């Protein structure tokens, strides 16, 4: 898929973020080209169904856009049925073989946080096992007709040591399945410090809903934050803002306990950054506001963070957000550099202090 080109601060990008904020504001005034650019970003980030849900009564949005988003919603609803069947089937196979898979991220969000699973389309299914059993589980699925997508240069034992998940499998239904052996990147795997993870405690707190094991919602919130801020340095698109907003409005979070765990793991500043961004994007979400007012939350700092809608960060915008990144505990590898993807691969980023 061609990548949607939109620089931070572009009218299409800002309009997309405004439409995703359920603030009651009227639709932005854009020209035809900007609407097309906005829709291209919505496709890239799986936002068309959510846009349909949020703006279906907004007559000021071009009729062509509303038809596209309605069609995407219907397609996502049909896809959600297939994904759910795959989730039930794959977890059933693994549990019958003696494994204890835990479904991550979208598998819980789509069916238990969003009003309808179509609003949270999924690219794949992430299942957490552990380092001692994940290869055996991988082999069980291969024997059941799942197909490896990448044999890779590393032996699976080396992948377990260096990465957080094994190469993806494609199920007989055509769904991508990732078996994870850990929740986030290990220390030394990235060019910045990785937070500590209370892996055993999170596994002990798993819940079962609809016959599937999931992380407890409070632990899932931590996983979403660390995944976005530290694993991807916010270069993951705006869907995470909606994920967190729907999660904290749906579930009762023990905020003092949450902040204590974040502080112990060293990711409390990243959580403060992420929740501040969610509050800005969803000003009518009272639970997000409460999260930032709870005793134990990090001290507030001026917020200038942006979520990337593309893989490039113009120099001025990156430099403007650099102090905030330092406070969060990471520095984007493209910060302060002209250009984007090509420079990112070769540049040596600074470590946050």
C-alpha atoms as a PDB file:
ATOM      1  CA  UNK A   1       0.000   0.000   0.000  1.00  0.00           C
ATOM      2  CA  UNK A   2       1.312   3.433  -0.859  1.00  0.00           C
ATOM      3  CA  UNK A   3       2.135   5.450   2.214  1.00  0.00           C
ATOM      4  CA  UNK A   4       0.042   8.532   2.822  1.00  0.00           C
ATOM      5  CA  UNK A   5       2.324  11.546   2.694  1.00  0.00           C
ATOM      6  CA  UNK A   6       1.354  14.124   5.283  1.00  0.00           C
ATOM      7  CA  UNK A   7       3.740  16.239   7.314  1.00  0.00           C
ATOM      8  CA  UNK A   8       3.011  17.132  10.932  1.00  0.00           C
ATOM      9  CA  UNK A   9       0.786  20.180  10.958  1.00  0.00           C
ATOM     10  CA  UNK A  10      -0.692  19.561   7.500  1.00  0.00           C
ATOM     11  CA  UNK A  11      -4.415  20.425   7.128  1.00  0.00           C
ATOM     12  CA  UNK A  12      -5.343  16.830   6.276  1.00  0.00           C
ATOM     13  CA  UNK A  13      -3.455  15.419   9.232  1.00  0.00           C
ATOM     14  CA  UNK A  14      -4.882  17.918  11.694  1.00  0.00           C
ATOM     15  CA  UNK A  15      -8.381  17.410  10.299  1.00  0.00           C
ATOM     16  CA  UNK A  16      -8.078  13.629  10.719  1.00  0.00           C
ATOM     17  CA  UNK A  17      -7.086  13.999  14.365  1.00  0.00           C
ATOM     18  CA  UNK A  18      -9.941  16.473  14.894  1.00  0.00           C
ATOM     19  CA  UNK A  19     -12.496  14.063  13.415  1.00  0.00           C
ATOM     20  CA  UNK A  20     -11.247  11.309  15.718  1.00  0.00           C
ATOM     21  CA  UNK A  21     -11.870  13.513  18.745  1.00  0.00           C
ATOM     22  CA  UNK A  22     -15.535  13.186  19.796  1.00  0.00           C
ATOM     23  CA  UNK A  23     -15.692  16.853  20.804  1.00  0.00           C
ATOM     24  CA  UNK A  24     -18.745  17.900  18.805  1.00  0.00           C
ATOM     25  CA  UNK A  25     -16.744  20.194  16.560  1.00  0.00           C
ATOM     26  CA  UNK A  26     -17.990  20.664  12.969  1.00  0.00           C
ATOM     27  CA  UNK A  27     -16.179  18.914  10.139  1.00  0.00           C
ATOM     28  CA  UNK A  28     -13.112  20.849   8.935  1.00  0.00           C
ATOM     29  CA  UNK A  29     -13.235  22.720   5.647  1.00  0.00           C
ATOM     30  CA  UNK A  30     -10.917  20.944   3.224  1.00  0.00           C
ATOM     31  CA  UNK A  31     -10.495  20.877  -0.507  1.00  0.00           C
ATOM     32  CA  UNK A  32     -10.952  17.666  -2.551  1.00  0.00           C
ATOM     33  CA  UNK A  33      -7.226  16.865  -2.558  1.00  0.00           C
ATOM     34  CA  UNK A  34      -6.972  17.254   1.213  1.00  0.00           C
ATOM     35  CA  UNK A  35      -9.998  15.001   1.764  1.00  0.00           C
ATOM     36  CA  UNK A  36      -8.331  12.355  -0.401  1.00  0.00           C
ATOM     37  CA  UNK A  37      -5.147  12.694   1.615  1.00  0.00           C
ATOM     38  CA  UNK A  38      -7.108  12.407   4.851  1.00  0.00           C
ATOM     39  CA  UNK A  39      -8.835   9.266   3.603  1.00  0.00           C
ATOM     40  CA  UNK A  40      -5.511   7.746   2.526  1.00  0.00           C
ATOM     41  CA  UNK A  41      -4.207   8.201   6.066  1.00  0.00           C
ATOM     42  CA  UNK A  42      -7.423   6.715   7.452  1.00  0.00           C
ATOM     43  CA  UNK A  43      -6.925   3.620   5.288  1.00  0.00           C
ATOM     44  CA  UNK A  44      -3.274   3.332   6.328  1.00  0.00           C
ATOM     45  CA  UNK A  45      -4.118   3.482  10.024  1.00  0.00           C
ATOM     46  CA  UNK A  46      -7.357   1.415   9.943  1.00  0.00           C
ATOM     47  CA  UNK A  47      -9.466   4.400  10.957  1.00  0.00           C
ATOM     48  CA  UNK A  48     -12.227   4.423   8.343  1.00  0.00           C
ATOM     49  CA  UNK A  49     -14.713   2.329  10.416  1.00  0.00           C
ATOM     50  CA  UNK A  50     -14.159   4.526  13.461  1.00  0.00           C
ATOM     51  CA  UNK A  51     -14.611   7.655  11.360  1.00  0.00           C
ATOM     52  CA  UNK A  52     -17.924   6.248  10.132  1.00  0.00           C
ATOM     53  CA  UNK A  53     -19.034   5.660  13.708  1.00  0.00           C
ATOM     54  CA  UNK A  54     -18.026   9.124  14.895  1.00  0.00           C
ATOM     55  CA  UNK A  55     -19.172  11.202  11.895  1.00  0.00           C
ATOM     56  CA  UNK A  56     -22.046   9.306  10.286  1.00  0.00           C
ATOM     57  CA  UNK A  57     -24.479  12.139  11.159  1.00  0.00           C
ATOM     58  CA  UNK A  58     -22.153  14.883   9.911  1.00  0.00           C
ATOM     59  CA  UNK A  59     -23.622  16.163   6.654  1.00  0.00           C
ATOM     60  CA  UNK A  60     -20.710  18.564   6.052  1.00  0.00           C
ATOM     61  CA  UNK A  61     -18.377  15.673   5.253  1.00  0.00           C
ATOM     62  CA  UNK A  62     -18.349  14.934   1.511  1.00  0.00           C
ATOM     63  CA  UNK A  63     -20.851  12.238   0.592  1.00  0.00           C
ATOM     64  CA  UNK A  64     -18.166  10.208  -1.162  1.00  0.00           C
ATOM     65  CA  UNK A  65     -16.117  10.054   2.037  1.00  0.00           C
ATOM     66  CA  UNK A  66     -19.102   8.992   4.116  1.00  0.00           C
ATOM     67  CA  UNK A  67     -19.904   6.217   1.633  1.00  0.00           C
ATOM     68  CA  UNK A  68     -16.330   4.942   1.712  1.00  0.00           C
ATOM     69  CA  UNK A  69     -16.245   4.922   5.500  1.00  0.00           C
ATOM     70  CA  UNK A  70     -19.594   3.172   5.690  1.00  0.00           C
ATOM     71  CA  UNK A  71     -18.334   0.518   3.285  1.00  0.00           C
ATOM     72  CA  UNK A  72     -15.156   0.107   5.337  1.00  0.00           C
ATOM     73  CA  UNK A  73     -17.248  -0.322   8.480  1.00  0.00           C
ATOM     74  CA  UNK A  74     -19.315  -3.086   6.878  1.00  0.00           C
ATOM     75  CA  UNK A  75     -16.194  -4.825   5.599  1.00  0.00           C
ATOM     76  CA  UNK A  76     -14.583  -4.572   9.033  1.00  0.00           C
ATOM     77  CA  UNK A  77     -17.685  -6.062  10.656  1.00  0.00           C
ATOM     78  CA  UNK A  78     -17.466  -9.084   8.361  1.00  0.00           C
ATOM     79  CA  UNK A  79     -13.716  -9.373   8.939  1.00  0.00           C
ATOM     80  CA  UNK A  80     -14.228  -9.241  12.707  1.00  0.00           C
ATOM     81  CA  UNK A  81     -16.324 -12.417  12.534  1.00  0.00           C
ATOM     82  CA  UNK A  82     -13.478 -14.242  10.788  1.00  0.00           C
ATOM     83  CA  UNK A  83     -10.861 -12.899  13.199  1.00  0.00           C
ATOM     84  CA  UNK A  84     -12.934 -13.906  16.207  1.00  0.00           C
ATOM     85  CA  UNK A  85     -13.415 -17.408  14.826  1.00  0.00           C
ATOM     86  CA  UNK A  86      -9.658 -17.623  14.306  1.00  0.00           C
ATOM     87  CA  UNK A  87      -8.949 -16.385  17.825  1.00  0.00           C
ATOM     88  CA  UNK A  88     -11.255 -19.029  19.312  1.00  0.00           C
ATOM     89  CA  UNK A  89      -9.867 -21.778  17.066  1.00  0.00           C
ATOM     90  CA  UNK A  90      -6.166 -21.019  17.555  1.00  0.00           C
ATOM     91  CA  UNK A  91      -6.431 -20.586  21.316  1.00  0.00           C
ATOM     92  CA  UNK A  92      -8.500 -23.779  21.449  1.00  0.00           C
ATOM     93  CA  UNK A  93      -5.825 -25.729  19.576  1.00  0.00           C
ATOM     94  CA  UNK A  94      -3.067 -24.457  21.841  1.00  0.00           C
ATOM     95  CA  UNK A  95      -4.985 -25.032  25.069  1.00  0.00           C
ATOM     96  CA  UNK A  96      -5.925 -28.550  23.965  1.00  0.00           C
ATOM     97  CA  UNK A  97      -2.198 -29.199  23.491  1.00  0.00           C
ATOM     98  CA  UNK A  98      -1.451 -28.031  27.030  1.00  0.00           C
ATOM     99  CA  UNK A  99      -0.367 -24.430  26.377  1.00  0.00           C
ATOM    100  CA  UNK A 100      -1.726 -21.282  28.020  1.00  0.00           C
ATOM    101  CA  UNK A 101      -1.980 -18.572  25.362  1.00  0.00           C
ATOM    102  CA  UNK A 102      -2.889 -15.022  26.405  1.00  0.00           C
ATOM    103  CA  UNK A 103      -4.447 -12.819  23.724  1.00  0.00           C
ATOM    104  CA  UNK A 104      -2.984  -9.307  23.528  1.00  0.00           C
ATOM    105  CA  UNK A 105      -4.040  -5.788  22.499  1.00  0.00           C
ATOM    106  CA  UNK A 106      -6.720  -5.693  19.789  1.00  0.00           C
ATOM    107  CA  UNK A 107      -8.089  -9.135  20.645  1.00  0.00           C
ATOM    108  CA  UNK A 108      -9.489  -7.699  23.889  1.00  0.00           C
ATOM    109  CA  UNK A 109      -9.996  -4.102  22.766  1.00  0.00           C
ATOM    110  CA  UNK A 110     -12.171  -4.941  19.761  1.00  0.00           C
ATOM    111  CA  UNK A 111     -14.701  -7.031  21.706  1.00  0.00           C
ATOM    112  CA  UNK A 112     -14.550  -5.539  25.190  1.00  0.00           C
ATOM    113  CA  UNK A 113     -13.582  -1.850  24.922  1.00  0.00           C
ATOM    114  CA  UNK A 114     -15.001  -0.520  21.646  1.00  0.00           C
ATOM    115  CA  UNK A 115     -18.773  -0.277  21.076  1.00  0.00           C
ATOM    116  CA  UNK A 116     -18.459  -2.708  18.146  1.00  0.00           C
ATOM    117  CA  UNK A 117     -15.508  -4.880  17.043  1.00  0.00           C
ATOM    118  CA  UNK A 118     -15.707  -3.404  13.544  1.00  0.00           C
ATOM    119  CA  UNK A 119     -14.415  -0.128  14.972  1.00  0.00           C
ATOM    120  CA  UNK A 120     -11.077  -1.707  15.834  1.00  0.00           C
ATOM    121  CA  UNK A 121      -9.845  -3.641  12.750  1.00  0.00           C
ATOM    122  CA  UNK A 122      -6.964  -6.020  13.408  1.00  0.00           C
ATOM    123  CA  UNK A 123      -3.998  -6.780  11.173  1.00  0.00           C
ATOM    124  CA  UNK A 124      -3.070  -9.918  13.124  1.00  0.00           C
ATOM    125  CA  UNK A 125      -3.567 -11.824  16.356  1.00  0.00           C
ATOM    126  CA  UNK A 126      -0.884 -11.581  19.045  1.00  0.00           C
ATOM    127  CA  UNK A 127      -0.741 -14.448  21.530  1.00  0.00           C
ATOM    128  CA  UNK A 128       1.591 -14.476  24.522  1.00  0.00           C
ATOM    129  CA  UNK A 129       3.187 -17.708  25.689  1.00  0.00           C
ATOM    130  CA  UNK A 130       6.553 -18.035  27.418  1.00  0.00           C
ATOM    131  CA  UNK A 131      10.145 -18.694  26.419  1.00  0.00           C
ATOM    132  CA  UNK A 132      10.044 -22.356  27.397  1.00  0.00           C
ATOM    133  CA  UNK A 133       6.918 -23.280  25.426  1.00  0.00           C
ATOM    134  CA  UNK A 134       6.616 -20.876  22.510  1.00  0.00           C
ATOM    135  CA  UNK A 135       8.638 -22.969  20.024  1.00  0.00           C
ATOM    136  CA  UNK A 136       6.612 -26.095  20.835  1.00  0.00           C
ATOM    137  CA  UNK A 137       3.398 -24.092  20.379  1.00  0.00           C
ATOM    138  CA  UNK A 138       4.722 -22.764  17.068  1.00  0.00           C
ATOM    139  CA  UNK A 139       5.368 -26.326  15.887  1.00  0.00           C
ATOM    140  CA  UNK A 140       1.892 -27.456  16.949  1.00  0.00           C
ATOM    141  CA  UNK A 141       0.351 -24.778  14.730  1.00  0.00           C
ATOM    142  CA  UNK A 142       2.616 -25.729  11.817  1.00  0.00           C
ATOM    143  CA  UNK A 143       1.355 -29.291  12.143  1.00  0.00           C
ATOM    144  CA  UNK A 144      -2.232 -27.967  12.057  1.00  0.00           C
ATOM    145  CA  UNK A 145      -1.704 -26.345   8.663  1.00  0.00           C
ATOM    146  CA  UNK A 146      -0.499 -22.886   9.690  1.00  0.00           C
ATOM    147  CA  UNK A 147       2.162 -21.563   7.336  1.00  0.00           C
ATOM    148  CA  UNK A 148       5.397 -19.815   8.283  1.00  0.00           C
ATOM    149  CA  UNK A 149       5.822 -16.472   6.511  1.00  0.00           C
ATOM    150  CA  UNK A 150       9.549 -16.022   7.077  1.00  0.00           C
ATOM    151  CA  UNK A 151      12.098 -18.695   7.819  1.00  0.00           C
ATOM    152  CA  UNK A 152      14.618 -15.940   8.584  1.00  0.00           C
ATOM    153  CA  UNK A 153      18.336 -16.153   9.129  1.00  0.00           C
ATOM    154  CA  UNK A 154      18.127 -16.875  12.863  1.00  0.00           C
ATOM    155  CA  UNK A 155      17.266 -20.164  14.512  1.00  0.00           C
ATOM    156  CA  UNK A 156      14.092 -19.977  16.592  1.00  0.00           C
ATOM    157  CA  UNK A 157      16.162 -20.345  19.765  1.00  0.00           C
ATOM    158  CA  UNK A 158      18.070 -17.187  18.809  1.00  0.00           C
ATOM    159  CA  UNK A 159      14.840 -15.361  17.994  1.00  0.00           C
ATOM    160  CA  UNK A 160      13.604 -16.147  21.507  1.00  0.00           C
ATOM    161  CA  UNK A 161      16.796 -14.737  22.974  1.00  0.00           C
ATOM    162  CA  UNK A 162      16.819 -11.539  20.903  1.00  0.00           C
ATOM    163  CA  UNK A 163      13.241 -10.692  19.962  1.00  0.00           C
ATOM    164  CA  UNK A 164       9.821 -10.520  21.575  1.00  0.00           C
ATOM    165  CA  UNK A 165       7.965 -12.806  19.136  1.00  0.00           C
ATOM    166  CA  UNK A 166       8.581 -15.566  16.623  1.00  0.00           C
ATOM    167  CA  UNK A 167       8.084 -15.053  12.862  1.00  0.00           C
ATOM    168  CA  UNK A 168       4.420 -14.696  11.964  1.00  0.00           C
ATOM    169  CA  UNK A 169       2.279 -17.663  10.934  1.00  0.00           C
ATOM    170  CA  UNK A 170      -0.619 -17.558   8.472  1.00  0.00           C
ATOM    171  CA  UNK A 171      -3.604 -19.603   9.559  1.00  0.00           C
ATOM    172  CA  UNK A 172      -5.711 -21.707   7.165  1.00  0.00           C
ATOM    173  CA  UNK A 173      -8.268 -18.854   7.284  1.00  0.00           C
ATOM    174  CA  UNK A 174      -5.557 -16.424   6.135  1.00  0.00           C
ATOM    175  CA  UNK A 175      -5.117 -14.600   9.467  1.00  0.00           C
ATOM    176  CA  UNK A 176      -1.618 -13.613  10.594  1.00  0.00           C
ATOM    177  CA  UNK A 177      -0.716 -15.032  14.013  1.00  0.00           C
ATOM    178  CA  UNK A 178       2.243 -13.853  16.108  1.00  0.00           C
ATOM    179  CA  UNK A 179       3.353 -15.967  19.062  1.00  0.00           C
ATOM    180  CA  UNK A 180       5.083 -13.759  21.627  1.00  0.00           C
ATOM    181  CA  UNK A 181       7.454 -14.941  24.298  1.00  0.00           C
ATOM    182  CA  UNK A 182       7.607 -11.546  26.030  1.00  0.00           C
ATOM    183  CA  UNK A 183       5.456  -8.439  26.222  1.00  0.00           C
ATOM    184  CA  UNK A 184       7.961  -5.858  25.039  1.00  0.00           C
ATOM    185  CA  UNK A 185      11.514  -5.430  23.860  1.00  0.00           C
ATOM    186  CA  UNK A 186      14.342  -6.573  26.096  1.00  0.00           C
ATOM    187  CA  UNK A 187      17.046  -4.217  27.344  1.00  0.00           C
ATOM    188  CA  UNK A 188      19.697  -3.707  24.673  1.00  0.00           C
ATOM    189  CA  UNK A 189      17.399  -4.628  21.781  1.00  0.00           C
ATOM    190  CA  UNK A 190      16.608  -1.001  20.961  1.00  0.00           C
ATOM    191  CA  UNK A 191      18.740   2.132  20.855  1.00  0.00           C
ATOM    192  CA  UNK A 192      17.233   3.393  24.113  1.00  0.00           C
ATOM    193  CA  UNK A 193      16.580   1.922  27.535  1.00  0.00           C
ATOM    194  CA  UNK A 194      13.763  -0.630  27.709  1.00  0.00           C
ATOM    195  CA  UNK A 195      11.416  -0.486  30.715  1.00  0.00           C
ATOM    196  CA  UNK A 196      11.344  -3.358  33.162  1.00  0.00           C
ATOM    197  CA  UNK A 197       8.338  -5.642  32.917  1.00  0.00           C
ATOM    198  CA  UNK A 198       6.645  -7.483  35.783  1.00  0.00           C
ATOM    199  CA  UNK A 199       5.975 -10.394  33.448  1.00  0.00           C
ATOM    200  CA  UNK A 200       5.149 -13.050  36.036  1.00  0.00           C
ATOM    201  CA  UNK A 201       2.775 -10.746  37.909  1.00  0.00           C
ATOM    202  CA  UNK A 202       0.937  -9.781  34.717  1.00  0.00           C
ATOM    203  CA  UNK A 203       0.516 -13.428  33.757  1.00  0.00           C
ATOM    204  CA  UNK A 204      -0.845 -14.222  37.216  1.00  0.00           C
ATOM    205  CA  UNK A 205      -3.486 -11.492  36.852  1.00  0.00           C
ATOM    206  CA  UNK A 206      -4.880 -12.667  33.496  1.00  0.00           C
ATOM    207  CA  UNK A 207      -8.635 -12.802  33.069  1.00  0.00           C
ATOM    208  CA  UNK A 208     -10.906 -15.037  30.985  1.00  0.00           C
ATOM    209  CA  UNK A 209     -13.732 -13.597  28.915  1.00  0.00           C
ATOM    210  CA  UNK A 210     -15.609 -15.532  26.273  1.00  0.00           C
ATOM    211  CA  UNK A 211     -13.369 -18.549  26.814  1.00  0.00           C
ATOM    212  CA  UNK A 212     -10.171 -16.599  25.994  1.00  0.00           C
ATOM    213  CA  UNK A 213      -7.398 -15.545  28.384  1.00  0.00           C
ATOM    214  CA  UNK A 214      -6.435 -11.856  28.257  1.00  0.00           C
ATOM    215  CA  UNK A 215      -4.201  -9.494  30.176  1.00  0.00           C
ATOM    216  CA  UNK A 216      -6.130  -7.699  32.894  1.00  0.00           C
ATOM    217  CA  UNK A 217      -7.280  -4.305  31.521  1.00  0.00           C
ATOM    218  CA  UNK A 218      -4.898  -2.358  33.768  1.00  0.00           C
ATOM    219  CA  UNK A 219      -1.966  -4.457  32.557  1.00  0.00           C
ATOM    220  CA  UNK A 220      -3.166  -4.103  28.970  1.00  0.00           C
ATOM    221  CA  UNK A 221      -3.106  -0.325  29.429  1.00  0.00           C
ATOM    222  CA  UNK A 222       0.523  -0.538  30.503  1.00  0.00           C
ATOM    223  CA  UNK A 223       1.304  -2.797  27.562  1.00  0.00           C
ATOM    224  CA  UNK A 224      -0.280  -0.367  25.082  1.00  0.00           C
ATOM    225  CA  UNK A 225       1.691   2.537  26.522  1.00  0.00           C
ATOM    226  CA  UNK A 226       5.063   0.807  26.559  1.00  0.00           C
ATOM    227  CA  UNK A 227       4.470  -0.627  23.086  1.00  0.00           C
ATOM    228  CA  UNK A 228       3.647   2.812  21.668  1.00  0.00           C
ATOM    229  CA  UNK A 229       6.121   5.010  23.533  1.00  0.00           C
ATOM    230  CA  UNK A 230       9.162   2.799  24.039  1.00  0.00           C
ATOM    231  CA  UNK A 231       8.930   0.051  21.400  1.00  0.00           C
ATOM    232  CA  UNK A 232       7.735   2.365  18.589  1.00  0.00           C
ATOM    233  CA  UNK A 233       8.481   5.860  19.934  1.00  0.00           C
ATOM    234  CA  UNK A 234       4.977   6.973  18.924  1.00  0.00           C
ATOM    235  CA  UNK A 235       5.589   6.157  15.264  1.00  0.00           C
ATOM    236  CA  UNK A 236       2.506   3.932  15.339  1.00  0.00           C
ATOM    237  CA  UNK A 237      -0.352   6.165  14.274  1.00  0.00           C
ATOM    238  CA  UNK A 238      -3.284   7.673  16.160  1.00  0.00           C
ATOM    239  CA  UNK A 239      -5.285   4.471  16.701  1.00  0.00           C
ATOM    240  CA  UNK A 240      -3.517   3.991  20.041  1.00  0.00           C
ATOM    241  CA  UNK A 241      -5.156   7.192  21.324  1.00  0.00           C
ATOM    242  CA  UNK A 242      -8.607   5.740  20.720  1.00  0.00           C
ATOM    243  CA  UNK A 243      -7.527   2.363  22.118  1.00  0.00           C
ATOM    244  CA  UNK A 244      -6.553   3.937  25.425  1.00  0.00           C
ATOM    245  CA  UNK A 245      -9.540   6.286  25.570  1.00  0.00           C
ATOM    246  CA  UNK A 246     -12.059   3.471  25.063  1.00  0.00           C
ATOM    247  CA  UNK A 247     -10.209   1.189  27.493  1.00  0.00           C
ATOM    248  CA  UNK A 248     -10.085   3.618  30.428  1.00  0.00           C
ATOM    249  CA  UNK A 249     -13.688   4.703  29.926  1.00  0.00           C
ATOM    250  CA  UNK A 250     -14.862   1.094  29.818  1.00  0.00           C
ATOM    251  CA  UNK A 251     -12.845  -0.306  32.734  1.00  0.00           C
ATOM    252  CA  UNK A 252     -12.217   0.923  36.274  1.00  0.00           C
ATOM    253  CA  UNK A 253      -8.465   1.485  36.598  1.00  0.00           C
ATOM    254  CA  UNK A 254      -6.797   1.564  40.010  1.00  0.00           C
ATOM    255  CA  UNK A 255      -4.735   4.658  39.197  1.00  0.00           C
ATOM    256  CA  UNK A 256      -2.547   4.739  42.336  1.00  0.00           C
ATOM    257  CA  UNK A 257      -1.635   1.101  41.690  1.00  0.00           C
ATOM    258  CA  UNK A 258      -1.110   1.817  37.985  1.00  0.00           C
ATOM    259  CA  UNK A 259       1.280   4.691  38.667  1.00  0.00           C
ATOM    260  CA  UNK A 260       3.161   2.684  41.294  1.00  0.00           C
ATOM    261  CA  UNK A 261       3.714  -0.127  38.785  1.00  0.00           C
ATOM    262  CA  UNK A 262       4.749   2.326  36.067  1.00  0.00           C
ATOM    263  CA  UNK A 263       7.213   3.990  38.427  1.00  0.00           C
ATOM    264  CA  UNK A 264       8.681   0.625  39.499  1.00  0.00           C
ATOM    265  CA  UNK A 265       9.075  -0.364  35.838  1.00  0.00           C
ATOM    266  CA  UNK A 266      10.626   2.948  34.821  1.00  0.00           C
ATOM    267  CA  UNK A 267       7.923   3.887  32.298  1.00  0.00           C
ATOM    268  CA  UNK A 268       5.901   6.365  34.369  1.00  0.00           C
ATOM    269  CA  UNK A 269       7.065   9.391  32.367  1.00  0.00           C
ATOM    270  CA  UNK A 270       6.157   7.671  29.121  1.00  0.00           C
ATOM    271  CA  UNK A 271       2.735   6.882  30.584  1.00  0.00           C
ATOM    272  CA  UNK A 272       2.298  10.524  31.602  1.00  0.00           C
ATOM    273  CA  UNK A 273       3.145  11.611  28.069  1.00  0.00           C
ATOM    274  CA  UNK A 274       0.785   9.098  26.464  1.00  0.00           C
ATOM    275  CA  UNK A 275      -2.156   9.862  28.734  1.00  0.00           C
ATOM    276  CA  UNK A 276      -1.667  13.602  28.253  1.00  0.00           C
ATOM    277  CA  UNK A 277      -1.894  13.064  24.509  1.00  0.00           C
ATOM    278  CA  UNK A 278      -5.034  10.937  24.918  1.00  0.00           C
ATOM    279  CA  UNK A 279      -6.621  13.636  27.041  1.00  0.00           C
ATOM    280  CA  UNK A 280      -5.847  16.242  24.397  1.00  0.00           C
ATOM    281  CA  UNK A 281      -7.338  14.053  21.665  1.00  0.00           C
ATOM    282  CA  UNK A 282     -10.373  13.029  23.750  1.00  0.00           C
ATOM    283  CA  UNK A 283     -11.224  16.022  25.950  1.00  0.00           C
ATOM    284  CA  UNK A 284     -14.596  14.531  26.882  1.00  0.00           C
ATOM    285  CA  UNK A 285     -13.078  11.386  28.431  1.00  0.00           C
ATOM    286  CA  UNK A 286     -13.264  12.035  32.210  1.00  0.00           C
ATOM    287  CA  UNK A 287     -11.375   8.878  33.156  1.00  0.00           C
ATOM    288  CA  UNK A 288      -8.328  10.114  31.235  1.00  0.00           C
ATOM    289  CA  UNK A 289      -8.462  13.403  33.123  1.00  0.00           C
ATOM    290  CA  UNK A 290      -8.679  11.536  36.435  1.00  0.00           C
ATOM    291  CA  UNK A 291      -5.642   9.451  35.524  1.00  0.00           C
ATOM    292  CA  UNK A 292      -3.478  12.567  35.340  1.00  0.00           C
ATOM    293  CA  UNK A 293      -4.788  14.043  38.596  1.00  0.00           C
ATOM    294  CA  UNK A 294      -4.161  10.916  40.684  1.00  0.00           C
ATOM    295  CA  UNK A 295      -1.627  11.091  43.473  1.00  0.00           C
ATOM    296  CA  UNK A 296       1.566   9.457  42.263  1.00  0.00           C
ATOM    297  CA  UNK A 297       1.268  10.597  38.640  1.00  0.00           C
ATOM    298  CA  UNK A 298       4.455  12.274  37.358  1.00  0.00           C
ATOM    299  CA  UNK A 299       4.677  16.055  37.474  1.00  0.00           C
ATOM    300  CA  UNK A 300       3.089  17.720  34.484  1.00  0.00           C
ATOM    301  CA  UNK A 301       5.246  19.281  31.794  1.00  0.00           C
ATOM    302  CA  UNK A 302       4.348  21.396  28.731  1.00  0.00           C
ATOM    303  CA  UNK A 303       2.918  19.070  26.096  1.00  0.00           C
ATOM    304  CA  UNK A 304       4.041  19.447  22.478  1.00  0.00           C
ATOM    305  CA  UNK A 305       4.079  15.794  21.479  1.00  0.00           C
ATOM    306  CA  UNK A 306       2.616  14.652  18.191  1.00  0.00           C
ATOM    307  CA  UNK A 307       1.639  11.233  16.919  1.00  0.00           C
ATOM    308  CA  UNK A 308       3.300  10.429  13.618  1.00  0.00           C
ATOM    309  CA  UNK A 309       0.900   9.794  10.733  1.00  0.00           C
ATOM    310  CA  UNK A 310       3.859   9.001   8.487  1.00  0.00           C
ATOM    311  CA  UNK A 311       7.434   7.779   8.763  1.00  0.00           C
ATOM    312  CA  UNK A 312       9.089  11.171   8.368  1.00  0.00           C
ATOM    313  CA  UNK A 313       9.540  13.982  10.830  1.00  0.00           C
ATOM    314  CA  UNK A 314      10.605  17.369   9.431  1.00  0.00           C
ATOM    315  CA  UNK A 315      13.472  18.822  11.373  1.00  0.00           C
ATOM    316  CA  UNK A 316      11.595  21.686  12.977  1.00  0.00           C
ATOM    317  CA  UNK A 317       8.793  19.533  14.384  1.00  0.00           C
ATOM    318  CA  UNK A 318      11.195  16.908  15.672  1.00  0.00           C
ATOM    319  CA  UNK A 319      13.340  19.506  17.422  1.00  0.00           C
ATOM    320  CA  UNK A 320      10.247  21.122  18.944  1.00  0.00           C
ATOM    321  CA  UNK A 321       9.231  17.855  20.602  1.00  0.00           C
ATOM    322  CA  UNK A 322      12.766  16.749  21.567  1.00  0.00           C
ATOM    323  CA  UNK A 323      12.694  18.104  25.165  1.00  0.00           C
ATOM    324  CA  UNK A 324       9.412  16.276  25.785  1.00  0.00           C
ATOM    325  CA  UNK A 325      10.852  13.036  24.454  1.00  0.00           C
ATOM    326  CA  UNK A 326      13.821  13.402  26.816  1.00  0.00           C
ATOM    327  CA  UNK A 327      11.438  13.741  29.753  1.00  0.00           C
ATOM    328  CA  UNK A 328       9.552  10.628  28.622  1.00  0.00           C
ATOM    329  CA  UNK A 329      12.801   8.656  28.654  1.00  0.00           C
ATOM    330  CA  UNK A 330      13.388   8.208  24.918  1.00  0.00           C
ATOM    331  CA  UNK A 331      14.579  10.315  22.006  1.00  0.00           C
ATOM    332  CA  UNK A 332      13.247   9.639  18.476  1.00  0.00           C
ATOM    333  CA  UNK A 333      15.986   8.394  16.184  1.00  0.00           C
ATOM    334  CA  UNK A 334      14.891  10.973  13.605  1.00  0.00           C
ATOM    335  CA  UNK A 335      14.946  13.870  16.090  1.00  0.00           C
ATOM    336  CA  UNK A 336      16.930  16.814  14.814  1.00  0.00           C
ATOM    337  CA  UNK A 337      17.623  15.193  11.462  1.00  0.00           C
ATOM    338  CA  UNK A 338      16.462  16.445   8.083  1.00  0.00           C
ATOM    339  CA  UNK A 339      14.835  13.814   5.927  1.00  0.00           C
ATOM    340  CA  UNK A 340      13.113  10.730   7.198  1.00  0.00           C
ATOM    341  CA  UNK A 341      13.198   6.993   6.652  1.00  0.00           C
ATOM    342  CA  UNK A 342      16.547   6.802   4.869  1.00  0.00           C
ATOM    343  CA  UNK A 343      18.355   8.926   7.442  1.00  0.00           C
ATOM    344  CA  UNK A 344      16.653   7.086  10.285  1.00  0.00           C
ATOM    345  CA  UNK A 345      18.206   3.780   9.313  1.00  0.00           C
ATOM    346  CA  UNK A 346      21.751   5.108   9.364  1.00  0.00           C
ATOM    347  CA  UNK A 347      21.701   7.781  12.045  1.00  0.00           C
ATOM    348  CA  UNK A 348      22.945   7.103  15.567  1.00  0.00           C
ATOM    349  CA  UNK A 349      20.351   8.552  17.932  1.00  0.00           C
ATOM    350  CA  UNK A 350      21.059  10.177  21.242  1.00  0.00           C
ATOM    351  CA  UNK A 351      20.291   8.356  24.447  1.00  0.00           C
ATOM    352  CA  UNK A 352      17.928  10.125  26.797  1.00  0.00           C
ATOM    353  CA  UNK A 353      19.382  11.323  30.050  1.00  0.00           C
END
